[in-house]
Protein backbone atom coordinates (compact mmCIF):
# COMPACT_ATOMS: atom_id res chain seq x y z
CA MET A 1 96.06 96.02 101.97
CA MET A 2 93.90 94.99 104.80
CA GLN A 3 90.82 97.34 105.54
CA ALA A 4 89.62 97.81 109.09
CA THR A 5 86.14 96.16 107.83
CA ASP A 6 88.52 92.70 106.88
CA LEU A 7 88.47 92.37 111.22
CA PRO A 8 86.02 91.15 113.38
CA ALA A 9 83.99 93.88 115.45
CA ASP A 10 85.60 92.63 118.45
CA ALA A 11 89.11 92.44 117.41
CA ARG A 12 92.04 93.39 120.16
CA ILE A 13 94.60 95.12 118.14
CA LEU A 14 98.23 95.09 119.87
CA VAL A 15 100.68 97.89 118.72
CA THR A 16 104.31 97.63 119.98
CA GLY A 17 106.25 100.66 120.02
CA ALA A 18 103.37 102.89 120.58
CA GLY A 19 104.83 105.28 123.56
CA GLY A 20 106.90 107.25 120.97
CA TYR A 21 106.32 110.06 118.71
CA LEU A 22 105.72 107.79 115.54
CA GLY A 23 103.62 105.04 117.52
CA GLN A 24 101.28 107.68 119.09
CA ALA A 25 100.42 109.18 116.17
CA LEU A 26 100.17 105.80 114.41
CA VAL A 27 97.56 104.71 117.20
CA HIS A 28 96.13 108.11 116.90
CA ALA A 29 95.59 107.81 113.22
CA LEU A 30 94.25 103.79 113.47
CA ARG A 31 91.86 104.35 116.31
CA GLN A 32 90.15 106.97 113.87
CA SER A 33 89.09 104.67 111.35
CA ALA A 34 88.38 101.58 113.67
CA PRO A 35 85.31 100.39 115.36
CA ALA A 36 84.72 101.82 118.99
CA LYS A 37 84.33 97.77 120.29
CA TRP A 38 88.13 97.34 119.21
CA GLN A 39 90.22 96.67 122.19
CA TRP A 40 93.70 97.98 122.07
CA VAL A 41 97.07 96.78 123.76
CA LEU A 42 99.87 99.20 123.58
CA THR A 43 103.29 98.53 124.71
CA ASP A 44 106.61 100.08 124.66
CA VAL A 45 109.67 100.03 127.11
CA GLN A 46 107.98 103.00 128.64
CA ALA A 47 104.53 104.44 128.64
CA PRO A 48 104.30 108.12 127.43
CA ALA A 49 103.71 111.14 129.78
CA LYS A 50 100.36 111.45 129.13
CA PRO A 51 98.96 108.07 127.61
CA ALA A 52 95.68 107.92 125.98
CA LYS A 53 93.23 106.98 128.80
CA HIS A 54 90.00 105.27 127.09
CA ALA A 55 87.94 102.30 128.36
CA ASN A 56 89.19 100.05 125.63
CA VAL A 57 93.11 101.09 125.38
CA LEU A 58 95.22 98.90 127.96
CA TRP A 59 98.72 100.49 128.25
CA VAL A 60 101.88 97.81 129.36
CA ALA A 61 105.19 98.96 129.67
CA GLY A 62 108.13 96.74 129.47
CA ASP A 63 110.22 94.89 126.99
CA LEU A 64 108.36 92.14 125.13
CA SER A 65 111.49 89.66 125.43
CA ASP A 66 110.65 89.80 129.17
CA ALA A 67 108.72 86.41 129.81
CA ASP A 68 107.00 88.13 132.90
CA LEU A 69 105.31 90.90 130.94
């Protein structure tokens, strides 16, 4: 199994489905053990009502099959 230490310190992490209950819990758990320099791109068809607001987190609401996304 891959560990956080297996990725570069400046990794960019994409999480699809991050707006739902499980997605939000997953992102929260992953960020607990991730290096602070990691950049997070969180996507879902709709952002949660209270999306995480951190300098290294970007929320993208939309369908990944949309070419304009």
